[in-house]
Amino acid sequence: MSELREVALAMVAGLLLAAGALVTVRLARGPSSLDRAVALDTLVSVAMAGIGVQTAVRRDPFSLPVLLVLAFLGFTGSVGVARFMALRDEAGAGEEGAEEGAGP
């Protein structure tokens, strides 16, 4: 049973590392700021999953407050980026509408 647990833990750790690497690539190469924001949010989620696995393996609830803080920061960051993008789109749409109506 112990060997099965170690194999499962190694697989989970490998998948989390692969996900972190892929998200880091998207964070660096993202063509738009929205892609980078989503990648950063996903990277926070992957880090939270890693901390959660570590907490479960060690059976030590010491890291649970860290998970709560990361969850709050991730949610707040996502809402902030979404609001910024919405305001930017509204401002851009207002300018385009003004240009279209400015004909002779």
PDB file of N, CA and C in Angstrom:
ATOM      1  N   MET A   1       0.822  -1.192   0.000  1.00  0.00           N
ATOM      2  CA  MET A   1       0.000   0.000   0.000  1.00  0.00           C
ATOM      3  C   MET A   1       0.865   1.253   0.000  1.00  0.00           C
ATOM      4  N   SER A   2       1.979   1.196   0.671  1.00  0.00           N
ATOM      5  CA  SER A   2       2.879   2.334   0.760  1.00  0.00           C
ATOM      6  C   SER A   2       3.495   2.665  -0.598  1.00  0.00           C
ATOM      7  N   GLU A   3       3.820   1.611  -1.362  1.00  0.00           N
ATOM      8  CA  GLU A   3       4.415   1.842  -2.682  1.00  0.00           C
ATOM      9  C   GLU A   3       3.405   2.498  -3.621  1.00  0.00           C
ATOM     10  N   LEU A   4       2.163   2.073  -3.535  1.00  0.00           N
ATOM     11  CA  LEU A   4       1.117   2.664  -4.368  1.00  0.00           C
ATOM     12  C   LEU A   4       0.928   4.136  -4.030  1.00  0.00           C
ATOM     13  N   ARG A   5       1.000   4.458  -2.773  1.00  0.00           N
ATOM     14  CA  ARG A   5       0.865   5.855  -2.343  1.00  0.00           C
ATOM     15  C   ARG A   5       2.024   6.702  -2.861  1.00  0.00           C
ATOM     16  N   GLU A   6       3.225   6.151  -2.810  1.00  0.00           N
ATOM     17  CA  GLU A   6       4.389   6.894  -3.308  1.00  0.00           C
ATOM     18  C   GLU A   6       4.324   7.103  -4.818  1.00  0.00           C
ATOM     19  N   VAL A   7       3.847   6.093  -5.542  1.00  0.00           N
ATOM     20  CA  VAL A   7       3.711   6.228  -6.995  1.00  0.00           C
ATOM     21  C   VAL A   7       2.653   7.286  -7.324  1.00  0.00           C
ATOM     22  N   ALA A   8       1.538   7.243  -6.610  1.00  0.00           N
ATOM     23  CA  ALA A   8       0.482   8.238  -6.839  1.00  0.00           C
ATOM     24  C   ALA A   8       0.984   9.642  -6.516  1.00  0.00           C
ATOM     25  N   LEU A   9       1.728   9.767  -5.429  1.00  0.00           N
ATOM     26  CA  LEU A   9       2.281  11.073  -5.055  1.00  0.00           C
ATOM     27  C   LEU A   9       3.264  11.571  -6.103  1.00  0.00           C
ATOM     28  N   ALA A  10       4.097  10.684  -6.631  1.00  0.00           N
ATOM     29  CA  ALA A  10       5.049  11.070  -7.676  1.00  0.00           C
ATOM     30  C   ALA A  10       4.322  11.507  -8.938  1.00  0.00           C
ATOM     31  N   MET A  11       3.233  10.804  -9.279  1.00  0.00           N
ATOM     32  CA  MET A  11       2.466  11.187 -10.464  1.00  0.00           C
ATOM     33  C   MET A  11       1.808  12.545 -10.285  1.00  0.00           C
ATOM     34  N   VAL A  12       1.235  12.782  -9.112  1.00  0.00           N
ATOM     35  CA  VAL A  12       0.596  14.075  -8.847  1.00  0.00           C
ATOM     36  C   VAL A  12       1.628  15.192  -8.885  1.00  0.00           C
ATOM     37  N   ALA A  13       2.789  14.959  -8.274  1.00  0.00           N
ATOM     38  CA  ALA A  13       3.843  15.979  -8.279  1.00  0.00           C
ATOM     39  C   ALA A  13       4.321  16.262  -9.701  1.00  0.00           C
ATOM     40  N   GLY A  14       4.468  15.210 -10.505  1.00  0.00           N
ATOM     41  CA  GLY A  14       4.885  15.394 -11.897  1.00  0.00           C
ATOM     42  C   GLY A  14       3.871  16.173 -12.707  1.00  0.00           C
ATOM     43  N   LEU A  15       2.594  15.856 -12.513  1.00  0.00           N
ATOM     44  CA  LEU A  15       1.539  16.577 -13.235  1.00  0.00           C
ATOM     45  C   LEU A  15       1.484  18.048 -12.815  1.00  0.00           C
ATOM     46  N   LEU A  16       1.664  18.308 -11.515  1.00  0.00           N
ATOM     47  CA  LEU A  16       1.656  19.692 -11.055  1.00  0.00           C
ATOM     48  C   LEU A  16       2.854  20.464 -11.601  1.00  0.00           C
ATOM     49  N   LEU A  17       4.008  19.816 -11.648  1.00  0.00           N
ATOM     50  CA  LEU A  17       5.183  20.481 -12.226  1.00  0.00           C
ATOM     51  C   LEU A  17       4.993  20.757 -13.715  1.00  0.00           C
ATOM     52  N   ALA A  18       4.425  19.784 -14.436  1.00  0.00           N
ATOM     53  CA  ALA A  18       4.170  19.991 -15.864  1.00  0.00           C
ATOM     54  C   ALA A  18       3.165  21.122 -16.078  1.00  0.00           C
ATOM     55  N   ALA A  19       2.110  21.144 -15.276  1.00  0.00           N
ATOM     56  CA  ALA A  19       1.122  22.215 -15.393  1.00  0.00           C
ATOM     57  C   ALA A  19       1.750  23.567 -15.084  1.00  0.00           C
ATOM     58  N   GLY A  20       2.579  23.615 -14.053  1.00  0.00           N
ATOM     59  CA  GLY A  20       3.256  24.864 -13.707  1.00  0.00           C
ATOM     60  C   GLY A  20       4.176  25.337 -14.827  1.00  0.00           C
ATOM     61  N   ALA A  21       4.882  24.403 -15.458  1.00  0.00           N
ATOM     62  CA  ALA A  21       5.774  24.774 -16.555  1.00  0.00           C
ATOM     63  C   ALA A  21       4.988  25.299 -17.754  1.00  0.00           C
ATOM     64  N   LEU A  22       3.899  24.619 -18.106  1.00  0.00           N
ATOM     65  CA  LEU A  22       3.091  25.065 -19.242  1.00  0.00           C
ATOM     66  C   LEU A  22       2.449  26.424 -18.989  1.00  0.00           C
ATOM     67  N   VAL A  23       1.982  26.626 -17.767  1.00  0.00           N
ATOM     68  CA  VAL A  23       1.359  27.907 -17.434  1.00  0.00           C
ATOM     69  C   VAL A  23       2.408  29.017 -17.426  1.00  0.00           C
ATOM     70  N   THR A  24       3.612  28.701 -16.984  1.00  0.00           N
ATOM     71  CA  THR A  24       4.687  29.706 -16.994  1.00  0.00           C
ATOM     72  C   THR A  24       5.032  30.114 -18.425  1.00  0.00           C
ATOM     73  N   VAL A  25       5.014  29.143 -19.338  1.00  0.00           N
ATOM     74  CA  VAL A  25       5.254  29.465 -20.749  1.00  0.00           C
ATOM     75  C   VAL A  25       4.162  30.400 -21.266  1.00  0.00           C
ATOM     76  N   ARG A  26       2.901  30.108 -20.931  1.00  0.00           N
ATOM     77  CA  ARG A  26       1.809  30.983 -21.372  1.00  0.00           C
ATOM     78  C   ARG A  26       1.921  32.356 -20.740  1.00  0.00           C
ATOM     79  N   LEU A  27       2.387  32.394 -19.496  1.00  0.00           N
ATOM     80  CA  LEU A  27       2.563  33.675 -18.812  1.00  0.00           C
ATOM     81  C   LEU A  27       3.619  34.516 -19.512  1.00  0.00           C
ATOM     82  N   ALA A  28       4.675  33.883 -19.966  1.00  0.00           N
ATOM     83  CA  ALA A  28       5.755  34.618 -20.630  1.00  0.00           C
ATOM     84  C   ALA A  28       5.410  34.979 -22.079  1.00  0.00           C
ATOM     85  N   ARG A  29       4.720  34.080 -22.799  1.00  0.00           N
ATOM     86  CA  ARG A  29       4.485  34.291 -24.224  1.00  0.00           C
ATOM     87  C   ARG A  29       3.098  34.816 -24.555  1.00  0.00           C
ATOM     88  N   GLY A  30       2.229  34.926 -23.558  1.00  0.00           N
ATOM     89  CA  GLY A  30       0.847  35.325 -23.815  1.00  0.00           C
ATOM     90  C   GLY A  30       0.749  36.533 -24.717  1.00  0.00           C
ATOM     91  N   PRO A  31      -0.011  36.425 -25.806  1.00  0.00           N
ATOM     92  CA  PRO A  31      -0.080  37.561 -26.725  1.00  0.00           C
ATOM     93  C   PRO A  31      -0.831  38.758 -26.156  1.00  0.00           C
ATOM     94  N   SER A  32      -1.716  38.536 -25.187  1.00  0.00           N
ATOM     95  CA  SER A  32      -2.453  39.669 -24.645  1.00  0.00           C
ATOM     96  C   SER A  32      -2.329  39.684 -23.126  1.00  0.00           C
ATOM     97  N   SER A  33      -2.687  40.796 -22.562  1.00  0.00           N
ATOM     98  CA  SER A  33      -2.629  40.914 -21.107  1.00  0.00           C
ATOM     99  C   SER A  33      -3.687  40.038 -20.442  1.00  0.00           C
ATOM    100  N   LEU A  34      -4.787  39.774 -21.129  1.00  0.00           N
ATOM    101  CA  LEU A  34      -5.805  38.884 -20.577  1.00  0.00           C
ATOM    102  C   LEU A  34      -5.285  37.447 -20.493  1.00  0.00           C
ATOM    103  N   ASP A  35      -4.528  37.009 -21.512  1.00  0.00           N
ATOM    104  CA  ASP A  35      -3.910  35.687 -21.456  1.00  0.00           C
ATOM    105  C   ASP A  35      -2.949  35.580 -20.276  1.00  0.00           C
ATOM    106  N   ARG A  36      -2.191  36.617 -20.057  1.00  0.00           N
ATOM    107  CA  ARG A  36      -1.240  36.608 -18.937  1.00  0.00           C
ATOM    108  C   ARG A  36      -1.956  36.608 -17.592  1.00  0.00           C
ATOM    109  N   ALA A  37      -3.068  37.323 -17.503  1.00  0.00           N
ATOM    110  CA  ALA A  37      -3.825  37.350 -16.253  1.00  0.00           C
ATOM    111  C   ALA A  37      -4.429  35.983 -15.946  1.00  0.00           C
ATOM    112  N   VAL A  38      -4.967  35.326 -16.962  1.00  0.00           N
ATOM    113  CA  VAL A  38      -5.520  33.989 -16.762  1.00  0.00           C
ATOM    114  C   VAL A  38      -4.413  33.009 -16.400  1.00  0.00           C
ATOM    115  N   ALA A  39      -3.263  33.138 -17.039  1.00  0.00           N
ATOM    116  CA  ALA A  39      -2.137  32.261 -16.718  1.00  0.00           C
ATOM    117  C   ALA A  39      -1.664  32.481 -15.286  1.00  0.00           C
ATOM    118  N   LEU A  40      -1.638  33.712 -14.834  1.00  0.00           N
ATOM    119  CA  LEU A  40      -1.225  33.983 -13.458  1.00  0.00           C
ATOM    120  C   LEU A  40      -2.218  33.408 -12.466  1.00  0.00           C
ATOM    121  N   ASP A  41      -3.494  33.522 -12.771  1.00  0.00           N
ATOM    122  CA  ASP A  41      -4.526  32.947 -11.909  1.00  0.00           C
ATOM    123  C   ASP A  41      -4.395  31.424 -11.866  1.00  0.00           C
ATOM    124  N   THR A  42      -4.126  30.823 -13.005  1.00  0.00           N
ATOM    125  CA  THR A  42      -3.938  29.382 -13.064  1.00  0.00           C
ATOM    126  C   THR A  42      -2.687  28.959 -12.313  1.00  0.00           C
ATOM    127  N   LEU A  43      -1.642  29.757 -12.386  1.00  0.00           N
ATOM    128  CA  LEU A  43      -0.411  29.449 -11.653  1.00  0.00           C
ATOM    129  C   LEU A  43      -0.648  29.491 -10.144  1.00  0.00           C
ATOM    130  N   VAL A  44      -1.458  30.423  -9.685  1.00  0.00           N
ATOM    131  CA  VAL A  44      -1.819  30.470  -8.265  1.00  0.00           C
ATOM    132  C   VAL A  44      -2.605  29.222  -7.889  1.00  0.00           C
ATOM    133  N   SER A  45      -3.488  28.776  -8.777  1.00  0.00           N
ATOM    134  CA  SER A  45      -4.261  27.564  -8.508  1.00  0.00           C
ATOM    135  C   SER A  45      -3.367  26.325  -8.454  1.00  0.00           C
ATOM    136  N   VAL A  46      -2.387  26.251  -9.331  1.00  0.00           N
ATOM    137  CA  VAL A  46      -1.454  25.124  -9.315  1.00  0.00           C
ATOM    138  C   VAL A  46      -0.621  25.144  -8.031  1.00  0.00           C
ATOM    139  N   ALA A  47      -0.200  26.327  -7.614  1.00  0.00           N
ATOM    140  CA  ALA A  47       0.549  26.431  -6.358  1.00  0.00           C
ATOM    141  C   ALA A  47      -0.324  26.016  -5.179  1.00  0.00           C
ATOM    142  N   MET A  48      -1.583  26.405  -5.211  1.00  0.00           N
ATOM    143  CA  MET A  48      -2.500  25.996  -4.139  1.00  0.00           C
ATOM    144  C   MET A  48      -2.679  24.479  -4.124  1.00  0.00           C
ATOM    145  N   ALA A  49      -2.764  23.875  -5.288  1.00  0.00           N
ATOM    146  CA  ALA A  49      -2.894  22.419  -5.352  1.00  0.00           C
ATOM    147  C   ALA A  49      -1.645  21.739  -4.798  1.00  0.00           C
ATOM    148  N   GLY A  50      -0.476  22.289  -5.112  1.00  0.00           N
ATOM    149  CA  GLY A  50       0.762  21.735  -4.569  1.00  0.00           C
ATOM    150  C   GLY A  50       0.829  21.846  -3.057  1.00  0.00           C
ATOM    151  N   ILE A  51       0.434  22.979  -2.531  1.00  0.00           N
ATOM    152  CA  ILE A  51       0.426  23.154  -1.077  1.00  0.00           C
ATOM    153  C   ILE A  51      -0.610  22.217  -0.447  1.00  0.00           C
ATOM    154  N   GLY A  52      -1.738  22.037  -1.105  1.00  0.00           N
ATOM    155  CA  GLY A  52      -2.753  21.121  -0.604  1.00  0.00           C
ATOM    156  C   GLY A  52      -2.270  19.682  -0.575  1.00  0.00           C
ATOM    157  N   VAL A  53      -1.557  19.257  -1.612  1.00  0.00           N
ATOM    158  CA  VAL A  53      -0.994  17.902  -1.634  1.00  0.00           C
ATOM    159  C   VAL A  53       0.044  17.746  -0.525  1.00  0.00           C
ATOM    160  N   GLN A  54       0.885  18.751  -0.357  1.00  0.00           N
ATOM    161  CA  GLN A  54       1.890  18.695   0.706  1.00  0.00           C
ATOM    162  C   GLN A  54       1.222  18.608   2.080  1.00  0.00           C
ATOM    163  N   THR A  55       0.169  19.366   2.287  1.00  0.00           N
ATOM    164  CA  THR A  55      -0.555  19.342   3.557  1.00  0.00           C
ATOM    165  C   THR A  55      -1.183  17.972   3.794  1.00  0.00           C
ATOM    166  N   ALA A  56      -1.744  17.380   2.737  1.00  0.00           N
ATOM    167  CA  ALA A  56      -2.366  16.070   2.884  1.00  0.00           C
ATOM    168  C   ALA A  56      -1.342  14.979   3.161  1.00  0.00           C
ATOM    169  N   VAL A  57      -0.193  15.049   2.500  1.00  0.00           N
ATOM    170  CA  VAL A  57       0.832  14.026   2.689  1.00  0.00           C
ATOM    171  C   VAL A  57       1.430  14.105   4.087  1.00  0.00           C
ATOM    172  N   ARG A  58       1.721  15.299   4.540  1.00  0.00           N
ATOM    173  CA  ARG A  58       2.324  15.464   5.872  1.00  0.00           C
ATOM    174  C   ARG A  58       1.295  15.392   7.000  1.00  0.00           C
ATOM    175  N   ARG A  59       0.025  15.490   6.631  1.00  0.00           N
ATOM    176  CA  ARG A  59      -1.064  15.496   7.622  1.00  0.00           C
ATOM    177  C   ARG A  59      -0.838  16.576   8.676  1.00  0.00           C
ATOM    178  N   ASP A  60      -0.459  17.732   8.175  1.00  0.00           N
ATOM    179  CA  ASP A  60      -0.178  18.883   9.030  1.00  0.00           C
ATOM    180  C   ASP A  60      -1.030  20.056   8.546  1.00  0.00           C
ATOM    181  N   PRO A  61      -1.977  20.519   9.336  1.00  0.00           N
ATOM    182  CA  PRO A  61      -2.867  21.600   8.885  1.00  0.00           C
ATOM    183  C   PRO A  61      -2.239  22.988   8.963  1.00  0.00           C
ATOM    184  N   PHE A  62      -0.943  23.081   9.142  1.00  0.00           N
ATOM    185  CA  PHE A  62      -0.264  24.368   9.282  1.00  0.00           C
ATOM    186  C   PHE A  62      -0.410  25.235   8.035  1.00  0.00           C
ATOM    187  N   SER A  63      -0.490  24.632   6.862  1.00  0.00           N
ATOM    188  CA  SER A  63      -0.528  25.387   5.603  1.00  0.00           C
ATOM    189  C   SER A  63      -1.927  25.822   5.192  1.00  0.00           C
ATOM    190  N   LEU A  64      -2.943  25.429   5.904  1.00  0.00           N
ATOM    191  CA  LEU A  64      -4.311  25.787   5.513  1.00  0.00           C
ATOM    192  C   LEU A  64      -4.560  27.291   5.504  1.00  0.00           C
ATOM    193  N   PRO A  65      -4.055  28.076   6.462  1.00  0.00           N
ATOM    194  CA  PRO A  65      -4.232  29.531   6.338  1.00  0.00           C
ATOM    195  C   PRO A  65      -3.557  30.115   5.102  1.00  0.00           C
ATOM    196  N   VAL A  66      -2.444  29.536   4.695  1.00  0.00           N
ATOM    197  CA  VAL A  66      -1.769  29.992   3.477  1.00  0.00           C
ATOM    198  C   VAL A  66      -2.674  29.742   2.272  1.00  0.00           C
ATOM    199  N   LEU A  67      -3.334  28.588   2.247  1.00  0.00           N
ATOM    200  CA  LEU A  67      -4.264  28.290   1.158  1.00  0.00           C
ATOM    201  C   LEU A  67      -5.425  29.282   1.123  1.00  0.00           C
ATOM    202  N   LEU A  68      -5.926  29.630   2.291  1.00  0.00           N
ATOM    203  CA  LEU A  68      -7.018  30.611   2.335  1.00  0.00           C
ATOM    204  C   LEU A  68      -6.582  31.968   1.799  1.00  0.00           C
ATOM    205  N   VAL A  69      -5.401  32.405   2.177  1.00  0.00           N
ATOM    206  CA  VAL A  69      -4.900  33.695   1.698  1.00  0.00           C
ATOM    207  C   VAL A  69      -4.673  33.660   0.190  1.00  0.00           C
ATOM    208  N   LEU A  70      -4.088  32.561  -0.316  1.00  0.00           N
ATOM    209  CA  LEU A  70      -3.875  32.453  -1.760  1.00  0.00           C
ATOM    210  C   LEU A  70      -5.200  32.420  -2.521  1.00  0.00           C
ATOM    211  N   ALA A  71      -6.183  31.734  -1.974  1.00  0.00           N
ATOM    212  CA  ALA A  71      -7.496  31.702  -2.624  1.00  0.00           C
ATOM    213  C   ALA A  71      -8.107  33.098  -2.670  1.00  0.00           C
ATOM    214  N   PHE A  72      -8.007  33.828  -1.575  1.00  0.00           N
ATOM    215  CA  PHE A  72      -8.552  35.188  -1.545  1.00  0.00           C
ATOM    216  C   PHE A  72      -7.817  36.102  -2.526  1.00  0.00           C
ATOM    217  N   LEU A  73      -6.491  36.012  -2.556  1.00  0.00           N
ATOM    218  CA  LEU A  73      -5.725  36.853  -3.481  1.00  0.00           C
ATOM    219  C   LEU A  73      -6.010  36.489  -4.934  1.00  0.00           C
ATOM    220  N   GLY A  74      -6.135  35.193  -5.218  1.00  0.00           N
ATOM    221  CA  GLY A  74      -6.445  34.769  -6.583  1.00  0.00           C
ATOM    222  C   GLY A  74      -7.804  35.271  -7.030  1.00  0.00           C
ATOM    223  N   PHE A  75      -8.798  35.145  -6.160  1.00  0.00           N
ATOM    224  CA  PHE A  75     -10.144  35.617  -6.501  1.00  0.00           C
ATOM    225  C   PHE A  75     -10.151  37.130  -6.685  1.00  0.00           C
ATOM    226  N   THR A  76      -9.538  37.847  -5.767  1.00  0.00           N
ATOM    227  CA  THR A  76      -9.503  39.304  -5.854  1.00  0.00           C
ATOM    228  C   THR A  76      -8.769  39.762  -7.111  1.00  0.00           C
ATOM    229  N   GLY A  77      -7.677  39.104  -7.427  1.00  0.00           N
ATOM    230  CA  GLY A  77      -6.932  39.452  -8.633  1.00  0.00           C
ATOM    231  C   GLY A  77      -7.734  39.194  -9.893  1.00  0.00           C
ATOM    232  N   SER A  78      -8.442  38.074  -9.929  1.00  0.00           N
ATOM    233  CA  SER A  78      -9.256  37.751 -11.105  1.00  0.00           C
ATOM    234  C   SER A  78     -10.387  38.753 -11.291  1.00  0.00           C
ATOM    235  N   VAL A  79     -11.038  39.109 -10.208  1.00  0.00           N
ATOM    236  CA  VAL A  79     -12.117  40.094 -10.291  1.00  0.00           C
ATOM    237  C   VAL A  79     -11.567  41.451 -10.719  1.00  0.00           C
ATOM    238  N   GLY A  80     -10.428  41.824 -10.195  1.00  0.00           N
ATOM    239  CA  GLY A  80      -9.818  43.101 -10.564  1.00  0.00           C
ATOM    240  C   GLY A  80      -9.450  43.156 -12.037  1.00  0.00           C
ATOM    241  N   VAL A  81      -8.860  42.083 -12.545  1.00  0.00           N
ATOM    242  CA  VAL A  81      -8.495  42.046 -13.962  1.00  0.00           C
ATOM    243  C   VAL A  81      -9.739  42.063 -14.839  1.00  0.00           C
ATOM    244  N   ALA A  82     -10.752  41.298 -14.446  1.00  0.00           N
ATOM    245  CA  ALA A  82     -11.996  41.279 -15.240  1.00  0.00           C
ATOM    246  C   ALA A  82     -12.645  42.659 -15.270  1.00  0.00           C
ATOM    247  N   ARG A  83     -12.640  43.338 -14.141  1.00  0.00           N
ATOM    248  CA  ARG A  83     -13.228  44.678 -14.107  1.00  0.00           C
ATOM    249  C   ARG A  83     -12.419  45.660 -14.954  1.00  0.00           C
ATOM    250  N   PHE A  84     -11.109  45.572 -14.866  1.00  0.00           N
ATOM    251  CA  PHE A  84     -10.252  46.438 -15.669  1.00  0.00           C
ATOM    252  C   PHE A  84     -10.478  46.205 -17.159  1.00  0.00           C
ATOM    253  N   MET A  85     -10.564  44.928 -17.552  1.00  0.00           N
ATOM    254  CA  MET A  85     -10.788  44.622 -18.966  1.00  0.00           C
ATOM    255  C   MET A  85     -12.165  45.113 -19.419  1.00  0.00           C
ATOM    256  N   ALA A  86     -13.180  44.969 -18.568  1.00  0.00           N
ATOM    257  CA  ALA A  86     -14.522  45.436 -18.923  1.00  0.00           C
ATOM    258  C   ALA A  86     -14.534  46.950 -19.088  1.00  0.00           C
ATOM    259  N   LEU A  87     -13.881  47.667 -18.175  1.00  0.00           N
ATOM    260  CA  LEU A  87     -13.838  49.127 -18.279  1.00  0.00           C
ATOM    261  C   LEU A  87     -13.051  49.561 -19.507  1.00  0.00           C
ATOM    262  N   ARG A  88     -11.984  48.845 -19.820  1.00  0.00           N
ATOM    263  CA  ARG A  88     -11.189  49.178 -20.992  1.00  0.00           C
ATOM    264  C   ARG A  88     -11.992  48.939 -22.265  1.00  0.00           C
ATOM    265  N   ASP A  89     -12.755  47.834 -22.295  1.00  0.00           N
ATOM    266  CA  ASP A  89     -13.589  47.558 -23.474  1.00  0.00           C
ATOM    267  C   ASP A  89     -14.696  48.589 -23.628  1.00  0.00           C
ATOM    268  N   GLU A  90     -15.306  49.009 -22.519  1.00  0.00           N
ATOM    269  CA  GLU A  90     -16.350  50.026 -22.581  1.00  0.00           C
ATOM    270  C   GLU A  90     -15.790  51.351 -23.072  1.00  0.00           C
ATOM    271  N   ALA A  91     -14.609  51.701 -22.597  1.00  0.00           N
ATOM    272  CA  ALA A  91     -13.998  52.961 -23.037  1.00  0.00           C
ATOM    273  C   ALA A  91     -13.653  52.894 -24.517  1.00  0.00           C
ATOM    274  N   GLY A  92     -13.173  51.742 -24.975  1.00  0.00           N
ATOM    275  CA  GLY A  92     -12.852  51.582 -26.394  1.00  0.00           C
ATOM    276  C   GLY A  92     -14.092  51.597 -27.254  1.00  0.00           C
ATOM    277  N   ALA A  93     -15.190  51.012 -26.776  1.00  0.00           N
ATOM    278  CA  ALA A  93     -16.436  50.987 -27.546  1.00  0.00           C
ATOM    279  C   ALA A  93     -17.036  52.380 -27.644  1.00  0.00           C
ATOM    280  N   GLY A  94     -16.895  53.173 -26.596  1.00  0.00           N
ATOM    281  CA  GLY A  94     -17.414  54.538 -26.617  1.00  0.00           C
ATOM    282  C   GLY A  94     -16.684  55.403 -27.630  1.00  0.00           C
ATOM    283  N   GLU A  95     -15.388  55.200 -27.740  1.00  0.00           N
ATOM    284  CA  GLU A  95     -14.611  55.977 -28.699  1.00  0.00           C
ATOM    285  C   GLU A  95     -14.926  55.559 -30.124  1.00  0.00           C
ATOM    286  N   GLU A  96     -15.112  54.236 -30.350  1.00  0.00           N
ATOM    287  CA  GLU A  96     -15.414  53.778 -31.701  1.00  0.00           C
ATOM    288  C   GLU A  96     -16.776  54.279 -32.142  1.00  0.00           C
ATOM    289  N   GLY A  97     -17.759  54.277 -31.212  1.00  0.00           N
ATOM    290  CA  GLY A  97     -19.096  54.772 -31.546  1.00  0.00           C
ATOM    291  C   GLY A  97     -19.068  56.255 -31.875  1.00  0.00           C
ATOM    292  N   ALA A  98     -18.206  57.011 -31.200  1.00  0.00           N
ATOM    293  CA  ALA A  98     -18.111  58.436 -31.468  1.00  0.00           C
ATOM    294  C   ALA A  98     -17.482  58.692 -32.833  1.00  0.00           C
ATOM    295  N   GLU A  99     -16.524  57.840 -33.221  1.00  0.00           N
ATOM    296  CA  GLU A  99     -15.891  58.005 -34.521  1.00  0.00           C
ATOM    297  C   GLU A  99     -16.854  57.665 -35.643  1.00  0.00           C
ATOM    298  N   GLU A 100     -17.688  56.632 -35.436  1.00  0.00           N
ATOM    299  CA  GLU A 100     -18.620  56.243 -36.498  1.00  0.00           C
ATOM    300  C   GLU A 100     -19.691  57.312 -36.711  1.00  0.00           C
ATOM    301  N   GLY A 101     -20.137  57.963 -35.634  1.00  0.00           N
ATOM    302  CA  GLY A 101     -21.171  58.961 -35.762  1.00  0.00           C
ATOM    303  C   GLY A 101     -20.654  60.338 -36.172  1.00  0.00           C
ATOM    304  N   ALA A 102     -19.348  60.468 -36.347  1.00  0.00           N
ATOM    305  CA  ALA A 102     -18.772  61.774 -36.640  1.00  0.00           C
ATOM    306  C   ALA A 102     -18.680  62.034 -38.142  1.00  0.00           C
ATOM    307  N   GLY A 103     -19.419  61.279 -38.955  1.00  0.00           N
ATOM    308  CA  GLY A 103     -19.366  61.455 -40.400  1.00  0.00           C
ATOM    309  C   GLY A 103     -20.027  62.753 -40.851  1.00  0.00           C
ATOM    310  N   PRO A 104     -19.887  63.109 -42.154  1.00  0.00           N
ATOM    311  CA  PRO A 104     -20.444  64.363 -42.683  1.00  0.00           C
ATOM    312  C   PRO A 104     -21.908  64.439 -42.746  1.00  0.00           C
TER     313      PRO A 104
END
